[in-house]
């Protein structure tokens, strides 16, 4: 998963080295620098991620195929002694975990 995400960052020319990154076990949180425009994350990044994921899945054994959900939030976050915090992160993770979002993602994959 991390290699696919990194490849999509490179294709989009977003400086992933400048992003705050947290591994979430079965997912990842990236916080991009404020100078990266939000629409650049939706297109072309989302398209590039979709492309590398589809390519991976076409070549992968059925047991190693992946599905990813992507959500983008444009509000500022804050750092404290424990990491990053803020209402934007709460909202973002609620979107990713929402049953309606998961159903939509399942239907889109088909």
PDB file of N, CA and C in Angstrom:
ATOM      1  N   UNK A   1       0.824  -1.187   0.000  1.00  0.00           N
ATOM      2  CA  UNK A   1       0.000   0.000   0.000  1.00  0.00           C
ATOM      3  C   UNK A   1       0.872   1.256   0.000  1.00  0.00           C
ATOM      4  N   UNK A   2       1.886   1.273   0.851  1.00  0.00           N
ATOM      5  CA  UNK A   2       2.727   2.469   0.938  1.00  0.00           C
ATOM      6  C   UNK A   2       3.443   2.754  -0.373  1.00  0.00           C
ATOM      7  N   UNK A   3       3.890   1.713  -1.076  1.00  0.00           N
ATOM      8  CA  UNK A   3       4.555   1.922  -2.363  1.00  0.00           C
ATOM      9  C   UNK A   3       3.602   2.516  -3.394  1.00  0.00           C
ATOM     10  N   UNK A   4       2.351   2.056  -3.397  1.00  0.00           N
ATOM     11  CA  UNK A   4       1.366   2.589  -4.346  1.00  0.00           C
ATOM     12  C   UNK A   4       1.064   4.055  -4.041  1.00  0.00           C
ATOM     13  N   UNK A   5       0.905   4.358  -2.770  1.00  0.00           N
ATOM     14  CA  UNK A   5       0.644   5.743  -2.368  1.00  0.00           C
ATOM     15  C   UNK A   5       1.815   6.634  -2.763  1.00  0.00           C
ATOM     16  N   UNK A   6       3.042   6.166  -2.516  1.00  0.00           N
ATOM     17  CA  UNK A   6       4.227   6.954  -2.863  1.00  0.00           C
ATOM     18  C   UNK A   6       4.344   7.154  -4.367  1.00  0.00           C
ATOM     19  N   UNK A   7       4.014   6.125  -5.140  1.00  0.00           N
ATOM     20  CA  UNK A   7       4.068   6.266  -6.599  1.00  0.00           C
ATOM     21  C   UNK A   7       3.074   7.317  -7.084  1.00  0.00           C
ATOM     22  N   UNK A   8       1.876   7.317  -6.515  1.00  0.00           N
ATOM     23  CA  UNK A   8       0.877   8.329  -6.900  1.00  0.00           C
ATOM     24  C   UNK A   8       1.346   9.731  -6.505  1.00  0.00           C
ATOM     25  N   UNK A   9       2.013   9.874  -5.345  1.00  0.00           N
ATOM     26  CA  UNK A   9       2.576  11.180  -4.952  1.00  0.00           C
ATOM     27  C   UNK A   9       3.584  11.640  -5.996  1.00  0.00           C
ATOM     28  N   UNK A  10       4.486  10.726  -6.403  1.00  0.00           N
ATOM     29  CA  UNK A  10       5.517  11.087  -7.393  1.00  0.00           C
ATOM     30  C   UNK A  10       4.879  11.494  -8.725  1.00  0.00           C
ATOM     31  N   UNK A  11       3.900  10.743  -9.171  1.00  0.00           N
ATOM     32  CA  UNK A  11       3.242  11.055 -10.444  1.00  0.00           C
ATOM     33  C   UNK A  11       2.591  12.438 -10.403  1.00  0.00           C
ATOM     34  N   UNK A  12       2.066  12.799  -9.250  1.00  0.00           N
ATOM     35  CA  UNK A  12       1.363  14.073  -9.092  1.00  0.00           C
ATOM     36  C   UNK A  12       2.315  15.220  -8.816  1.00  0.00           C
ATOM     37  N   UNK A  13       3.559  14.879  -8.488  1.00  0.00           N
ATOM     38  CA  UNK A  13       4.582  15.865  -8.142  1.00  0.00           C
ATOM     39  C   UNK A  13       4.240  16.644  -6.875  1.00  0.00           C
ATOM     40  N   UNK A  14       3.640  15.920  -5.932  1.00  0.00           N
ATOM     41  CA  UNK A  14       3.419  16.471  -4.599  1.00  0.00           C
ATOM     42  C   UNK A  14       4.592  16.011  -3.753  1.00  0.00           C
ATOM     43  N   UNK A  15       5.244  16.928  -3.055  1.00  0.00           N
ATOM     44  CA  UNK A  15       6.441  16.549  -2.292  1.00  0.00           C
ATOM     45  C   UNK A  15       6.086  15.745  -1.040  1.00  0.00           C
ATOM     46  N   UNK A  16       5.963  14.426  -1.195  1.00  0.00           N
ATOM     47  CA  UNK A  16       5.550  13.607  -0.051  1.00  0.00           C
ATOM     48  C   UNK A  16       6.544  13.710   1.098  1.00  0.00           C
ATOM     49  N   UNK A  17       7.805  14.034   0.811  1.00  0.00           N
ATOM     50  CA  UNK A  17       8.798  14.204   1.876  1.00  0.00           C
ATOM     51  C   UNK A  17       8.438  15.389   2.778  1.00  0.00           C
ATOM     52  N   UNK A  18       7.636  16.332   2.258  1.00  0.00           N
ATOM     53  CA  UNK A  18       7.244  17.504   3.042  1.00  0.00           C
ATOM     54  C   UNK A  18       5.926  17.281   3.789  1.00  0.00           C
ATOM     55  N   UNK A  19       5.316  16.117   3.602  1.00  0.00           N
ATOM     56  CA  UNK A  19       4.039  15.810   4.239  1.00  0.00           C
ATOM     57  C   UNK A  19       4.253  15.189   5.614  1.00  0.00           C
ATOM     58  N   UNK A  20       3.341  15.474   6.509  1.00  0.00           N
ATOM     59  CA  UNK A  20       3.287  14.758   7.781  1.00  0.00           C
ATOM     60  C   UNK A  20       2.598  13.430   7.471  1.00  0.00           C
ATOM     61  N   UNK A  21       3.180  12.324   7.921  1.00  0.00           N
ATOM     62  CA  UNK A  21       2.628  11.012   7.628  1.00  0.00           C
ATOM     63  C   UNK A  21       2.527  10.196   8.898  1.00  0.00           C
ATOM     64  N   UNK A  22       1.391   9.516   9.047  1.00  0.00           N
ATOM     65  CA  UNK A  22       1.198   8.601  10.164  1.00  0.00           C
ATOM     66  C   UNK A  22       0.658   7.295   9.621  1.00  0.00           C
ATOM     67  N   UNK A  23       1.309   6.204   9.956  1.00  0.00           N
ATOM     68  CA  UNK A  23       0.834   4.880   9.588  1.00  0.00           C
ATOM     69  C   UNK A  23      -0.324   4.538  10.512  1.00  0.00           C
ATOM     70  N   UNK A  24      -1.409   4.077   9.945  1.00  0.00           N
ATOM     71  CA  UNK A  24      -2.593   3.734  10.738  1.00  0.00           C
ATOM     72  C   UNK A  24      -2.912   2.246  10.660  1.00  0.00           C
ATOM     73  N   UNK A  25      -1.890   1.426  10.462  1.00  0.00           N
ATOM     74  CA  UNK A  25      -2.104  -0.018  10.372  1.00  0.00           C
ATOM     75  C   UNK A  25      -2.608  -0.410   9.009  1.00  0.00           C
ATOM     76  N   UNK A  26      -3.915  -0.353   8.830  1.00  0.00           N
ATOM     77  CA  UNK A  26      -4.488  -0.675   7.530  1.00  0.00           C
ATOM     78  C   UNK A  26      -4.767   0.573   6.700  1.00  0.00           C
ATOM     79  N   UNK A  27      -4.151   1.673   7.066  1.00  0.00           N
ATOM     80  CA  UNK A  27      -4.342   2.919   6.333  1.00  0.00           C
ATOM     81  C   UNK A  27      -3.210   3.882   6.645  1.00  0.00           C
ATOM     82  N   UNK A  28      -3.337   5.077   6.117  1.00  0.00           N
ATOM     83  CA  UNK A  28      -2.318   6.100   6.339  1.00  0.00           C
ATOM     84  C   UNK A  28      -2.976   7.468   6.362  1.00  0.00           C
ATOM     85  N   UNK A  29      -2.414   8.342   7.146  1.00  0.00           N
ATOM     86  CA  UNK A  29      -2.849   9.728   7.218  1.00  0.00           C
ATOM     87  C   UNK A  29      -1.723  10.584   6.677  1.00  0.00           C
ATOM     88  N   UNK A  30      -2.039  11.412   5.695  1.00  0.00           N
ATOM     89  CA  UNK A  30      -1.076  12.357   5.152  1.00  0.00           C
ATOM     90  C   UNK A  30      -1.629  13.755   5.339  1.00  0.00           C
ATOM     91  N   UNK A  31      -0.786  14.634   5.820  1.00  0.00           N
ATOM     92  CA  UNK A  31      -1.144  16.044   5.924  1.00  0.00           C
ATOM     93  C   UNK A  31      -0.157  16.784   5.041  1.00  0.00           C
ATOM     94  N   UNK A  32      -0.691  17.362   3.980  1.00  0.00           N
ATOM     95  CA  UNK A  32       0.168  18.022   3.003  1.00  0.00           C
ATOM     96  C   UNK A  32       0.439  19.459   3.443  1.00  0.00           C
ATOM     97  N   UNK A  33       1.535  20.027   2.967  1.00  0.00           N
ATOM     98  CA  UNK A  33       1.833  21.421   3.297  1.00  0.00           C
ATOM     99  C   UNK A  33       0.723  22.345   2.776  1.00  0.00           C
ATOM    100  N   UNK A  34       0.492  23.458   3.443  1.00  0.00           N
ATOM    101  CA  UNK A  34      -0.592  24.351   3.043  1.00  0.00           C
ATOM    102  C   UNK A  34      -0.473  24.880   1.615  1.00  0.00           C
ATOM    103  N   UNK A  35       0.741  24.899   1.060  1.00  0.00           N
ATOM    104  CA  UNK A  35       0.887  25.426  -0.300  1.00  0.00           C
ATOM    105  C   UNK A  35       0.398  24.466  -1.383  1.00  0.00           C
ATOM    106  N   UNK A  36       0.078  23.224  -1.019  1.00  0.00           N
ATOM    107  CA  UNK A  36      -0.481  22.276  -1.997  1.00  0.00           C
ATOM    108  C   UNK A  36      -1.977  22.541  -2.091  1.00  0.00           C
ATOM    109  N   UNK A  37      -2.440  22.873  -3.268  1.00  0.00           N
ATOM    110  CA  UNK A  37      -3.855  23.189  -3.475  1.00  0.00           C
ATOM    111  C   UNK A  37      -4.718  21.939  -3.297  1.00  0.00           C
ATOM    112  N   UNK A  38      -5.846  22.093  -2.611  1.00  0.00           N
ATOM    113  CA  UNK A  38      -6.733  20.959  -2.345  1.00  0.00           C
ATOM    114  C   UNK A  38      -7.216  20.306  -3.630  1.00  0.00           C
ATOM    115  N   UNK A  39      -7.481  21.099  -4.658  1.00  0.00           N
ATOM    116  CA  UNK A  39      -7.965  20.498  -5.898  1.00  0.00           C
ATOM    117  C   UNK A  39      -6.896  19.638  -6.567  1.00  0.00           C
ATOM    118  N   UNK A  40      -5.632  19.869  -6.231  1.00  0.00           N
ATOM    119  CA  UNK A  40      -4.551  19.043  -6.760  1.00  0.00           C
ATOM    120  C   UNK A  40      -4.587  17.648  -6.131  1.00  0.00           C
ATOM    121  N   UNK A  41      -5.160  17.544  -4.935  1.00  0.00           N
ATOM    122  CA  UNK A  41      -5.290  16.241  -4.286  1.00  0.00           C
ATOM    123  C   UNK A  41      -6.425  15.434  -4.899  1.00  0.00           C
ATOM    124  N   UNK A  42      -7.460  16.129  -5.332  1.00  0.00           N
ATOM    125  CA  UNK A  42      -8.599  15.425  -5.911  1.00  0.00           C
ATOM    126  C   UNK A  42      -8.316  15.006  -7.345  1.00  0.00           C
ATOM    127  N   UNK A  43      -7.767  15.881  -8.100  1.00  0.00           N
ATOM    128  CA  UNK A  43      -7.372  15.580  -9.480  1.00  0.00           C
ATOM    129  C   UNK A  43      -6.137  16.414  -9.722  1.00  0.00           C
ATOM    130  N   UNK A  44      -5.026  15.839  -9.937  1.00  0.00           N
ATOM    131  CA  UNK A  44      -4.791  14.493 -10.452  1.00  0.00           C
ATOM    132  C   UNK A  44      -4.443  13.415  -9.427  1.00  0.00           C
ATOM    133  N   UNK A  45      -4.181  13.744  -8.138  1.00  0.00           N
ATOM    134  CA  UNK A  45      -3.709  12.699  -7.228  1.00  0.00           C
ATOM    135  C   UNK A  45      -4.666  11.513  -7.152  1.00  0.00           C
ATOM    136  N   UNK A  46      -5.943  11.758  -6.965  1.00  0.00           N
ATOM    137  CA  UNK A  46      -6.900  10.653  -6.847  1.00  0.00           C
ATOM    138  C   UNK A  46      -6.895   9.806  -8.113  1.00  0.00           C
ATOM    139  N   UNK A  47      -6.774  10.441  -9.261  1.00  0.00           N
ATOM    140  CA  UNK A  47      -6.712   9.694 -10.524  1.00  0.00           C
ATOM    141  C   UNK A  47      -5.442   8.858 -10.605  1.00  0.00           C
ATOM    142  N   UNK A  48      -4.322   9.423 -10.183  1.00  0.00           N
ATOM    143  CA  UNK A  48      -3.060   8.675 -10.201  1.00  0.00           C
ATOM    144  C   UNK A  48      -3.109   7.497  -9.233  1.00  0.00           C
ATOM    145  N   UNK A  49      -3.680   7.717  -8.057  1.00  0.00           N
ATOM    146  CA  UNK A  49      -3.799   6.631  -7.089  1.00  0.00           C
ATOM    147  C   UNK A  49      -4.677   5.514  -7.639  1.00  0.00           C
ATOM    148  N   UNK A  50      -5.764   5.886  -8.268  1.00  0.00           N
ATOM    149  CA  UNK A  50      -6.652   4.906  -8.893  1.00  0.00           C
ATOM    150  C   UNK A  50      -5.910   4.116  -9.974  1.00  0.00           C
ATOM    151  N   UNK A  51      -5.114   4.810 -10.768  1.00  0.00           N
ATOM    152  CA  UNK A  51      -4.352   4.163 -11.839  1.00  0.00           C
ATOM    153  C   UNK A  51      -3.362   3.137 -11.290  1.00  0.00           C
ATOM    154  N   UNK A  52      -2.567   3.521 -10.297  1.00  0.00           N
ATOM    155  CA  UNK A  52      -1.574   2.579  -9.776  1.00  0.00           C
ATOM    156  C   UNK A  52      -2.233   1.428  -9.023  1.00  0.00           C
ATOM    157  N   UNK A  53      -3.361   1.697  -8.377  1.00  0.00           N
ATOM    158  CA  UNK A  53      -4.086   0.633  -7.681  1.00  0.00           C
ATOM    159  C   UNK A  53      -4.671  -0.368  -8.675  1.00  0.00           C
ATOM    160  N   UNK A  54      -5.266   0.135  -9.754  1.00  0.00           N
ATOM    161  CA  UNK A  54      -5.816  -0.772 -10.777  1.00  0.00           C
ATOM    162  C   UNK A  54      -4.711  -1.610 -11.408  1.00  0.00           C
ATOM    163  N   UNK A  55      -3.570  -0.991 -11.705  1.00  0.00           N
ATOM    164  CA  UNK A  55      -2.453  -1.731 -12.290  1.00  0.00           C
ATOM    165  C   UNK A  55      -1.974  -2.821 -11.330  1.00  0.00           C
ATOM    166  N   UNK A  56      -1.835  -2.455 -10.059  1.00  0.00           N
ATOM    167  CA  UNK A  56      -1.430  -3.436  -9.057  1.00  0.00           C
ATOM    168  C   UNK A  56      -2.413  -4.610  -9.023  1.00  0.00           C
ATOM    169  N   UNK A  57      -3.691  -4.308  -8.970  1.00  0.00           N
ATOM    170  CA  UNK A  57      -4.701  -5.356  -8.847  1.00  0.00           C
ATOM    171  C   UNK A  57      -4.797  -6.238 -10.086  1.00  0.00           C
ATOM    172  N   UNK A  58      -4.515  -5.688 -11.254  1.00  0.00           N
ATOM    173  CA  UNK A  58      -4.522  -6.504 -12.469  1.00  0.00           C
ATOM    174  C   UNK A  58      -3.403  -7.536 -12.453  1.00  0.00           C
ATOM    175  N   UNK A  59      -2.273  -7.192 -11.845  1.00  0.00           N
ATOM    176  CA  UNK A  59      -1.116  -8.078 -11.820  1.00  0.00           C
ATOM    177  C   UNK A  59      -1.050  -8.950 -10.564  1.00  0.00           C
ATOM    178  N   UNK A  60      -1.840  -8.614  -9.555  1.00  0.00           N
ATOM    179  CA  UNK A  60      -1.743  -9.284  -8.260  1.00  0.00           C
ATOM    180  C   UNK A  60      -2.560 -10.567  -8.208  1.00  0.00           C
ATOM    181  N   UNK A  61      -2.125 -11.445  -7.347  1.00  0.00           N
ATOM    182  CA  UNK A  61      -2.895 -12.626  -6.999  1.00  0.00           C
ATOM    183  C   UNK A  61      -4.184 -12.156  -6.317  1.00  0.00           C
ATOM    184  N   UNK A  62      -5.295 -12.835  -6.506  1.00  0.00           N
ATOM    185  CA  UNK A  62      -6.547 -12.380  -5.879  1.00  0.00           C
ATOM    186  C   UNK A  62      -6.453 -12.163  -4.366  1.00  0.00           C
ATOM    187  N   UNK A  63      -5.582 -12.886  -3.693  1.00  0.00           N
ATOM    188  CA  UNK A  63      -5.461 -12.719  -2.239  1.00  0.00           C
ATOM    189  C   UNK A  63      -4.673 -11.484  -1.839  1.00  0.00           C
ATOM    190  N   UNK A  64      -3.970 -10.851  -2.774  1.00  0.00           N
ATOM    191  CA  UNK A  64      -3.170  -9.664  -2.448  1.00  0.00           C
ATOM    192  C   UNK A  64      -3.706  -8.393  -3.105  1.00  0.00           C
ATOM    193  N   UNK A  65      -4.877  -8.476  -3.717  1.00  0.00           N
ATOM    194  CA  UNK A  65      -5.483  -7.275  -4.290  1.00  0.00           C
ATOM    195  C   UNK A  65      -5.906  -6.338  -3.171  1.00  0.00           C
ATOM    196  N   UNK A  66      -5.905  -5.040  -3.470  1.00  0.00           N
ATOM    197  CA  UNK A  66      -6.226  -4.028  -2.465  1.00  0.00           C
ATOM    198  C   UNK A  66      -7.376  -3.148  -2.907  1.00  0.00           C
ATOM    199  N   UNK A  67      -8.033  -2.597  -1.902  1.00  0.00           N
ATOM    200  CA  UNK A  67      -9.037  -1.552  -2.099  1.00  0.00           C
ATOM    201  C   UNK A  67      -8.685  -0.432  -1.136  1.00  0.00           C
ATOM    202  N   UNK A  68      -8.776   0.796  -1.607  1.00  0.00           N
ATOM    203  CA  UNK A  68      -8.475   1.951  -0.773  1.00  0.00           C
ATOM    204  C   UNK A  68      -9.642   2.923  -0.807  1.00  0.00           C
ATOM    205  N   UNK A  69      -9.863   3.588   0.312  1.00  0.00           N
ATOM    206  CA  UNK A  69     -10.804   4.709   0.353  1.00  0.00           C
ATOM    207  C   UNK A  69      -9.964   5.956   0.590  1.00  0.00           C
ATOM    208  N   UNK A  70     -10.318   7.032  -0.099  1.00  0.00           N
ATOM    209  CA  UNK A  70      -9.583   8.291   0.014  1.00  0.00           C
ATOM    210  C   UNK A  70     -10.562   9.391   0.384  1.00  0.00           C
ATOM    211  N   UNK A  71     -10.200  10.174   1.373  1.00  0.00           N
ATOM    212  CA  UNK A  71     -10.987  11.341   1.742  1.00  0.00           C
ATOM    213  C   UNK A  71     -10.027  12.507   1.904  1.00  0.00           C
ATOM    214  N   UNK A  72     -10.489  13.690   1.544  1.00  0.00           N
ATOM    215  CA  UNK A  72      -9.677  14.907   1.618  1.00  0.00           C
ATOM    216  C   UNK A  72     -10.441  15.941   2.420  1.00  0.00           C
ATOM    217  N   UNK A  73      -9.746  16.595   3.319  1.00  0.00           N
ATOM    218  CA  UNK A  73     -10.339  17.686   4.092  1.00  0.00           C
ATOM    219  C   UNK A  73      -9.405  18.882   3.972  1.00  0.00           C
ATOM    220  N   UNK A  74      -9.961  20.068   3.874  1.00  0.00           N
ATOM    221  CA  UNK A  74      -9.137  21.246   3.608  1.00  0.00           C
ATOM    222  C   UNK A  74      -8.947  22.178   4.799  1.00  0.00           C
ATOM    223  N   UNK A  75      -9.477  21.821   5.943  1.00  0.00           N
ATOM    224  CA  UNK A  75      -9.321  22.694   7.108  1.00  0.00           C
ATOM    225  C   UNK A  75      -7.950  22.497   7.753  1.00  0.00           C
ATOM    226  N   UNK A  76      -7.547  23.459   8.512  1.00  0.00           N
ATOM    227  CA  UNK A  76      -6.262  23.406   9.213  1.00  0.00           C
ATOM    228  C   UNK A  76      -6.335  22.408  10.371  1.00  0.00           C
ATOM    229  N   UNK A  77      -5.188  21.842  10.686  1.00  0.00           N
ATOM    230  CA  UNK A  77      -5.055  20.968  11.848  1.00  0.00           C
ATOM    231  C   UNK A  77      -4.078  21.621  12.818  1.00  0.00           C
ATOM    232  N   UNK A  78      -3.986  21.057  13.983  1.00  0.00           N
ATOM    233  CA  UNK A  78      -3.093  21.581  15.007  1.00  0.00           C
ATOM    234  C   UNK A  78      -2.214  20.450  15.513  1.00  0.00           C
ATOM    235  N   UNK A  79      -1.050  20.802  15.949  1.00  0.00           N
ATOM    236  CA  UNK A  79      -0.141  19.818  16.552  1.00  0.00           C
ATOM    237  C   UNK A  79      -0.093  20.054  18.054  1.00  0.00           C
ATOM    238  N   UNK A  80      -0.052  18.949  18.787  1.00  0.00           N
ATOM    239  CA  UNK A  80       0.165  19.049  20.225  1.00  0.00           C
ATOM    240  C   UNK A  80       1.221  18.018  20.615  1.00  0.00           C
ATOM    241  N   UNK A  81       1.386  17.781  21.882  1.00  0.00           N
ATOM    242  CA  UNK A  81       2.422  16.853  22.355  1.00  0.00           C
ATOM    243  C   UNK A  81       2.196  15.414  21.902  1.00  0.00           C
ATOM    244  N   UNK A  82       0.992  15.105  21.445  1.00  0.00           N
ATOM    245  CA  UNK A  82       0.651  13.731  21.078  1.00  0.00           C
ATOM    246  C   UNK A  82       0.512  13.517  19.576  1.00  0.00           C
ATOM    247  N   UNK A  83       0.658  14.561  18.790  1.00  0.00           N
ATOM    248  CA  UNK A  83       0.532  14.431  17.340  1.00  0.00           C
ATOM    249  C   UNK A  83      -0.332  15.523  16.753  1.00  0.00           C
ATOM    250  N   UNK A  84      -1.158  15.146  15.792  1.00  0.00           N
ATOM    251  CA  UNK A  84      -2.028  16.118  15.134  1.00  0.00           C
ATOM    252  C   UNK A  84      -3.457  15.947  15.630  1.00  0.00           C
ATOM    253  N   UNK A  85      -4.146  17.068  15.769  1.00  0.00           N
ATOM    254  CA  UNK A  85      -5.505  17.063  16.317  1.00  0.00           C
ATOM    255  C   UNK A  85      -6.338  18.113  15.590  1.00  0.00           C
ATOM    256  N   UNK A  86      -7.629  18.040  15.793  1.00  0.00           N
ATOM    257  CA  UNK A  86      -8.514  19.074  15.292  1.00  0.00           C
ATOM    258  C   UNK A  86      -9.814  18.512  14.753  1.00  0.00           C
ATOM    259  N   UNK A  87     -10.829  19.363  14.684  1.00  0.00           N
ATOM    260  CA  UNK A  87     -12.135  18.942  14.176  1.00  0.00           C
ATOM    261  C   UNK A  87     -12.062  18.398  12.744  1.00  0.00           C
ATOM    262  N   UNK A  88     -11.138  18.909  11.931  1.00  0.00           N
ATOM    263  CA  UNK A  88     -11.024  18.427  10.551  1.00  0.00           C
ATOM    264  C   UNK A  88     -10.669  16.942  10.523  1.00  0.00           C
ATOM    265  N   UNK A  89      -9.788  16.512  11.410  1.00  0.00           N
ATOM    266  CA  UNK A  89      -9.409  15.094  11.453  1.00  0.00           C
ATOM    267  C   UNK A  89     -10.565  14.222  11.921  1.00  0.00           C
ATOM    268  N   UNK A  90     -11.287  14.680  12.901  1.00  0.00           N
ATOM    269  CA  UNK A  90     -12.453  13.932  13.375  1.00  0.00           C
ATOM    270  C   UNK A  90     -13.444  13.763  12.225  1.00  0.00           C
ATOM    271  N   UNK A  91     -13.725  14.843  11.525  1.00  0.00           N
ATOM    272  CA  UNK A  91     -14.663  14.807  10.403  1.00  0.00           C
ATOM    273  C   UNK A  91     -14.154  13.878   9.304  1.00  0.00           C
ATOM    274  N   UNK A  92     -12.884  13.973   8.983  1.00  0.00           N
ATOM    275  CA  UNK A  92     -12.293  13.148   7.941  1.00  0.00           C
ATOM    276  C   UNK A  92     -12.458  11.669   8.246  1.00  0.00           C
ATOM    277  N   UNK A  93     -12.123  11.249   9.453  1.00  0.00           N
ATOM    278  CA  UNK A  93     -12.224   9.836   9.794  1.00  0.00           C
ATOM    279  C   UNK A  93     -13.668   9.379   9.934  1.00  0.00           C
ATOM    280  N   UNK A  94     -14.550  10.263  10.311  1.00  0.00           N
ATOM    281  CA  UNK A  94     -15.976   9.903  10.321  1.00  0.00           C
ATOM    282  C   UNK A  94     -16.476   9.675   8.901  1.00  0.00           C
ATOM    283  N   UNK A  95     -16.004  10.491   7.954  1.00  0.00           N
ATOM    284  CA  UNK A  95     -16.370  10.274   6.555  1.00  0.00           C
ATOM    285  C   UNK A  95     -15.898   8.902   6.076  1.00  0.00           C
ATOM    286  N   UNK A  96     -14.642   8.580   6.348  1.00  0.00           N
ATOM    287  CA  UNK A  96     -14.077   7.308   5.897  1.00  0.00           C
ATOM    288  C   UNK A  96     -14.790   6.106   6.513  1.00  0.00           C
ATOM    289  N   UNK A  97     -15.272   6.243   7.740  1.00  0.00           N
ATOM    290  CA  UNK A  97     -15.924   5.140   8.431  1.00  0.00           C
ATOM    291  C   UNK A  97     -17.438   5.107   8.259  1.00  0.00           C
ATOM    292  N   UNK A  98     -17.995   6.100   7.606  1.00  0.00           N
ATOM    293  CA  UNK A  98     -19.450   6.171   7.458  1.00  0.00           C
ATOM    294  C   UNK A  98     -19.973   5.008   6.610  1.00  0.00           C
ATOM    295  N   UNK A  99     -21.002   4.318   7.090  1.00  0.00           N
ATOM    296  CA  UNK A  99     -21.564   3.205   6.322  1.00  0.00           C
ATOM    297  C   UNK A  99     -21.986   3.595   4.900  1.00  0.00           C
ATOM    298  N   UNK A 100     -22.543   4.797   4.724  1.00  0.00           N
ATOM    299  CA  UNK A 100     -22.956   5.225   3.385  1.00  0.00           C
ATOM    300  C   UNK A 100     -21.748   5.363   2.463  1.00  0.00           C
ATOM    301  N   UNK A 101     -20.649   5.878   2.988  1.00  0.00           N
ATOM    302  CA  UNK A 101     -19.427   6.022   2.189  1.00  0.00           C
ATOM    303  C   UNK A 101     -18.882   4.646   1.814  1.00  0.00           C
ATOM    304  N   UNK A 102     -18.879   3.728   2.755  1.00  0.00           N
ATOM    305  CA  UNK A 102     -18.394   2.374   2.487  1.00  0.00           C
ATOM    306  C   UNK A 102     -19.268   1.675   1.454  1.00  0.00           C
ATOM    307  N   UNK A 103     -20.597   1.842   1.563  1.00  0.00           N
ATOM    308  CA  UNK A 103     -21.500   1.242   0.562  1.00  0.00           C
ATOM    309  C   UNK A 103     -21.238   1.825  -0.820  1.00  0.00           C
ATOM    310  N   UNK A 104     -21.071   3.139  -0.886  1.00  0.00           N
ATOM    311  CA  UNK A 104     -20.781   3.791  -2.169  1.00  0.00           C
ATOM    312  C   UNK A 104     -19.492   3.253  -2.744  1.00  0.00           C
ATOM    313  N   UNK A 105     -18.446   3.121  -1.928  1.00  0.00           N
ATOM    314  CA  UNK A 105     -17.159   2.602  -2.397  1.00  0.00           C
ATOM    315  C   UNK A 105     -17.307   1.160  -2.873  1.00  0.00           C
ATOM    316  N   UNK A 106     -18.073   0.350  -2.150  1.00  0.00           N
ATOM    317  CA  UNK A 106     -18.301  -1.039  -2.562  1.00  0.00           C
ATOM    318  C   UNK A 106     -19.030  -1.093  -3.902  1.00  0.00           C
ATOM    319  N   UNK A 107     -20.040  -0.232  -4.075  1.00  0.00           N
ATOM    320  CA  UNK A 107     -20.793  -0.208  -5.336  1.00  0.00           C
ATOM    321  C   UNK A 107     -19.921   0.259  -6.494  1.00  0.00           C
ATOM    322  N   UNK A 108     -19.019   1.192  -6.240  1.00  0.00           N
ATOM    323  CA  UNK A 108     -18.164   1.727  -7.290  1.00  0.00           C
ATOM    324  C   UNK A 108     -17.197   0.652  -7.797  1.00  0.00           C
ATOM    325  N   UNK A 109     -16.755  -0.224  -6.891  1.00  0.00           N
ATOM    326  CA  UNK A 109     -15.842  -1.292  -7.279  1.00  0.00           C
ATOM    327  C   UNK A 109     -16.587  -2.375  -8.044  1.00  0.00           C
ATOM    328  N   UNK A 110     -17.828  -2.563  -7.646  1.00  0.00           N
ATOM    329  CA  UNK A 110     -18.700  -3.460  -8.369  1.00  0.00           C
ATOM    330  C   UNK A 110     -18.655  -4.863  -7.961  1.00  0.00           C
TER     331      UNK A 110
END
